[in-house]
């Protein structure tokens, strides 16, 4: 099962995606159709990672660059932490000065000290948080919900996609309209006790991948 992260978890790079439509011709072969001139005129300009977080978090160019470099530098640290059974994710908290946050379901000073020794930047930029759900538990819930999307839609729940949000320690359902109390009750009946959140995706049609 392919896993998607929420935008609250990882920095998303805004890219220019030009669609290519490939219908079949009369002989059954696929024919590539180029995007229209109108589409190209109205398509957004590509934005770099640095420019994206500069804009989103009102940062200077130097600070935005440092945060991108910090994000790249923690891959080895994340690989070590992710092997621990109570690991629950790692992310850059842009709202808190660009700190690197590692979440676990238990607090262990010895483990934290070992991980801190692997952190090359200022140790004040590394923070440990205790949360309820481990990464493995969230992944299992994600798989269940992803496999249940068609059934949920058949019951009238407007679920477009599912993702994991490490920063809020929950499964996020991208929905095309707000859920009613009855729809929430249906979700809670099917997934009792699960940490579920919703994110309204306005104007995004529900499309199944073929």
Protein backbone atom coordinates (compact mmCIF):
# COMPACT_ATOMS: atom_id res chain seq x y z
CA UNK A 1 0.00 0.00 0.00
CA UNK A 2 1.45 3.33 -1.01
CA UNK A 3 1.60 5.81 1.83
CA UNK A 4 0.96 9.53 1.58
CA UNK A 5 1.95 12.14 4.11
CA UNK A 6 -0.10 15.14 5.03
CA UNK A 7 1.07 18.59 4.14
CA UNK A 8 1.42 19.26 7.87
CA UNK A 9 4.11 16.61 8.03
CA UNK A 10 6.52 17.23 5.21
CA UNK A 11 7.31 20.30 3.16
CA UNK A 12 5.55 19.91 -0.17
CA UNK A 13 7.33 21.12 -3.29
CA UNK A 14 4.97 22.99 -5.58
CA UNK A 15 5.75 21.89 -9.11
CA UNK A 16 4.33 22.64 -12.53
CA UNK A 17 2.44 19.54 -13.59
CA UNK A 18 1.49 19.57 -17.26
CA UNK A 19 -1.12 16.93 -18.01
CA UNK A 20 -0.67 14.62 -20.97
CA UNK A 21 -3.82 12.92 -22.24
CA UNK A 22 -3.38 9.59 -24.03
CA UNK A 23 -6.61 8.36 -25.65
CA UNK A 24 -6.63 5.33 -27.94
CA UNK A 25 -6.91 5.82 -31.70
CA UNK A 26 -9.01 3.64 -33.99
CA UNK A 27 -6.21 1.05 -34.19
CA UNK A 28 -6.01 0.78 -30.43
CA UNK A 29 -2.70 2.65 -30.12
CA UNK A 30 -2.26 5.47 -27.66
CA UNK A 31 -1.96 8.99 -29.04
CA UNK A 32 -0.38 11.74 -26.96
CA UNK A 33 -2.23 15.05 -26.90
CA UNK A 34 -0.32 18.15 -25.89
CA UNK A 35 -1.81 20.56 -23.32
CA UNK A 36 -3.65 23.50 -24.80
CA UNK A 37 -2.14 26.98 -25.10
CA UNK A 38 -4.82 28.27 -22.73
CA UNK A 39 -3.81 25.73 -20.07
CA UNK A 40 -0.14 26.71 -20.41
CA UNK A 41 -1.00 30.42 -20.13
CA UNK A 42 -2.97 29.87 -16.91
CA UNK A 43 -0.73 27.25 -15.31
CA UNK A 44 1.12 28.42 -12.17
CA UNK A 45 4.81 29.10 -12.31
CA UNK A 46 6.99 26.44 -10.65
CA UNK A 47 8.11 27.40 -7.15
CA UNK A 48 11.31 26.18 -5.49
CA UNK A 49 11.31 24.60 -2.03
CA UNK A 50 13.14 27.60 -0.61
CA UNK A 51 10.69 30.08 -2.15
CA UNK A 52 7.75 27.97 -0.96
CA UNK A 53 8.67 28.03 2.73
CA UNK A 54 9.78 31.65 2.47
CA UNK A 55 6.27 32.51 1.37
CA UNK A 56 4.42 30.10 3.67
CA UNK A 57 6.31 31.04 6.85
CA UNK A 58 7.43 34.61 6.08
CA UNK A 59 11.15 33.78 6.32
CA UNK A 60 14.26 35.44 5.00
CA UNK A 61 16.08 33.74 2.14
CA UNK A 62 18.94 32.72 4.46
CA UNK A 63 16.61 31.19 7.06
CA UNK A 64 14.57 29.35 4.44
CA UNK A 65 17.79 27.95 2.95
CA UNK A 66 19.01 26.80 6.37
CA UNK A 67 15.76 24.96 7.01
CA UNK A 68 15.92 23.14 3.69
CA UNK A 69 19.52 22.14 4.45
CA UNK A 70 18.46 20.99 7.94
CA UNK A 71 15.67 18.90 6.44
CA UNK A 72 18.17 17.20 4.13
CA UNK A 73 20.73 16.63 6.88
CA UNK A 74 18.43 14.64 9.20
CA UNK A 75 17.83 11.66 6.90
CA UNK A 76 20.40 9.47 8.71
CA UNK A 77 19.02 10.48 12.11
CA UNK A 78 15.51 9.64 10.95
CA UNK A 79 16.64 6.24 9.66
CA UNK A 80 18.02 5.35 13.11
CA UNK A 81 14.98 6.63 15.00
CA UNK A 82 12.54 4.89 12.66
CA UNK A 83 13.95 1.50 13.65
CA UNK A 84 12.73 1.98 17.23
CA UNK A 85 9.34 0.33 17.91
CA UNK A 86 7.85 3.39 19.65
CA UNK A 87 8.90 5.82 16.89
CA UNK A 88 6.08 8.04 15.66
CA UNK A 89 7.64 10.38 13.13
CA UNK A 90 10.07 13.23 12.53
CA UNK A 91 9.43 16.61 10.98
CA UNK A 92 10.55 20.24 10.81
CA UNK A 93 8.31 22.43 12.95
CA UNK A 94 8.33 25.67 10.97
CA UNK A 95 5.90 27.27 13.41
CA UNK A 96 8.42 26.78 16.23
CA UNK A 97 11.56 28.26 14.72
CA UNK A 98 12.36 25.36 12.42
CA UNK A 99 13.04 22.83 15.17
CA UNK A 100 13.53 19.19 14.30
CA UNK A 101 10.92 17.17 16.20
CA UNK A 102 11.12 13.43 16.85
CA UNK A 103 8.01 11.81 18.32
CA UNK A 104 7.84 8.59 20.35
CA UNK A 105 5.10 6.93 22.36
CA UNK A 106 7.39 6.67 25.40
CA UNK A 107 9.95 8.97 27.00
CA UNK A 108 13.45 7.51 27.37
CA UNK A 109 16.24 9.93 28.35
CA UNK A 110 18.95 7.42 27.40
CA UNK A 111 17.51 6.93 23.92
CA UNK A 112 17.04 10.67 23.49
CA UNK A 113 20.66 11.34 24.46
CA UNK A 114 21.87 8.77 21.94
CA UNK A 115 19.84 10.36 19.16
CA UNK A 116 20.91 13.86 20.17
CA UNK A 117 24.54 12.77 19.73
CA UNK A 118 23.75 12.06 16.05
CA UNK A 119 22.28 15.52 15.47
CA UNK A 120 24.88 17.68 13.77
CA UNK A 121 23.17 21.06 14.21
CA UNK A 122 22.63 23.08 17.38
CA UNK A 123 21.17 20.67 19.96
CA UNK A 124 18.66 23.35 20.94
CA UNK A 125 17.00 22.78 17.57
CA UNK A 126 16.16 19.15 18.39
CA UNK A 127 13.03 18.37 20.40
CA UNK A 128 11.48 15.09 21.56
CA UNK A 129 7.72 14.74 21.99
CA UNK A 130 5.65 11.98 23.53
CA UNK A 131 2.51 11.02 21.60
CA UNK A 132 -0.16 8.33 21.82
CA UNK A 133 0.15 6.45 18.53
CA UNK A 134 3.29 4.89 17.07
CA UNK A 135 4.18 5.12 13.40
CA UNK A 136 3.46 1.40 12.98
CA UNK A 137 0.00 1.78 14.51
CA UNK A 138 -0.78 4.78 12.30
CA UNK A 139 0.44 2.87 9.25
CA UNK A 140 -1.85 -0.07 10.08
CA UNK A 141 -4.83 2.30 10.45
CA UNK A 142 -3.89 4.06 7.22
CA UNK A 143 -3.89 0.72 5.39
CA UNK A 144 -7.32 -0.18 6.79
CA UNK A 145 -8.83 3.16 5.81
CA UNK A 146 -7.25 3.15 2.37
CA UNK A 147 -8.68 -0.31 1.73
CA UNK A 148 -12.10 0.90 2.95
CA UNK A 149 -12.42 4.04 0.80
CA UNK A 150 -14.76 2.46 -1.74
CA UNK A 151 -16.99 1.07 1.01
CA UNK A 152 -17.06 4.42 2.80
CA UNK A 153 -18.02 6.22 -0.40
CA UNK A 154 -20.77 3.67 -0.99
CA UNK A 155 -22.12 4.66 2.43
CA UNK A 156 -22.13 8.31 1.34
CA UNK A 157 -18.89 9.47 3.01
CA UNK A 158 -17.11 11.89 0.64
CA UNK A 159 -13.56 10.60 1.24
CA UNK A 160 -11.18 11.66 -1.53
CA UNK A 161 -7.91 10.38 -0.03
CA UNK A 162 -6.23 9.33 3.20
CA UNK A 163 -2.91 10.43 4.70
CA UNK A 164 -0.88 10.25 7.90
CA UNK A 165 -0.11 13.42 9.82
CA UNK A 166 2.84 12.87 12.11
CA UNK A 167 2.65 16.35 13.60
CA UNK A 168 -0.90 15.81 14.89
CA UNK A 169 -0.40 12.05 15.41
CA UNK A 170 -3.51 11.12 13.45
CA UNK A 171 -4.99 9.81 10.23
CA UNK A 172 -6.30 12.62 8.04
CA UNK A 173 -9.21 12.04 5.70
CA UNK A 174 -9.32 14.47 2.80
CA UNK A 175 -13.05 15.03 2.21
CA UNK A 176 -14.92 16.98 -0.43
CA UNK A 177 -17.52 18.25 2.04
CA UNK A 178 -17.83 18.48 5.80
CA UNK A 179 -19.00 15.29 7.48
CA UNK A 180 -22.34 15.20 9.23
CA UNK A 181 -22.74 13.84 12.75
CA UNK A 182 -24.22 10.66 11.26
CA UNK A 183 -21.18 10.21 8.99
CA UNK A 184 -18.82 10.69 11.93
CA UNK A 185 -20.82 8.07 13.81
CA UNK A 186 -20.36 5.69 10.88
CA UNK A 187 -16.60 6.26 10.90
CA UNK A 188 -16.39 5.75 14.66
CA UNK A 189 -18.42 2.56 14.36
CA UNK A 190 -16.09 1.16 11.72
CA UNK A 191 -12.86 2.36 13.34
CA UNK A 192 -13.52 2.65 17.08
CA UNK A 193 -10.97 4.69 18.97
CA UNK A 194 -8.98 5.58 15.84
CA UNK A 195 -7.34 9.04 15.78
CA UNK A 196 -9.21 10.52 12.82
CA UNK A 197 -9.19 14.08 11.50
CA UNK A 198 -10.67 15.58 8.36
CA UNK A 199 -9.32 18.12 5.89
CA UNK A 200 -11.74 19.79 3.50
CA UNK A 201 -10.54 19.65 -0.09
CA UNK A 202 -12.76 22.09 -1.94
CA UNK A 203 -13.43 21.37 -5.58
CA UNK A 204 -11.43 18.13 -5.70
CA UNK A 205 -13.41 15.40 -7.41
CA UNK A 206 -13.10 11.83 -6.16
CA UNK A 207 -11.21 9.86 -8.79
CA UNK A 208 -10.00 6.27 -8.39
CA UNK A 209 -6.60 5.42 -9.85
CA UNK A 210 -6.88 2.85 -12.63
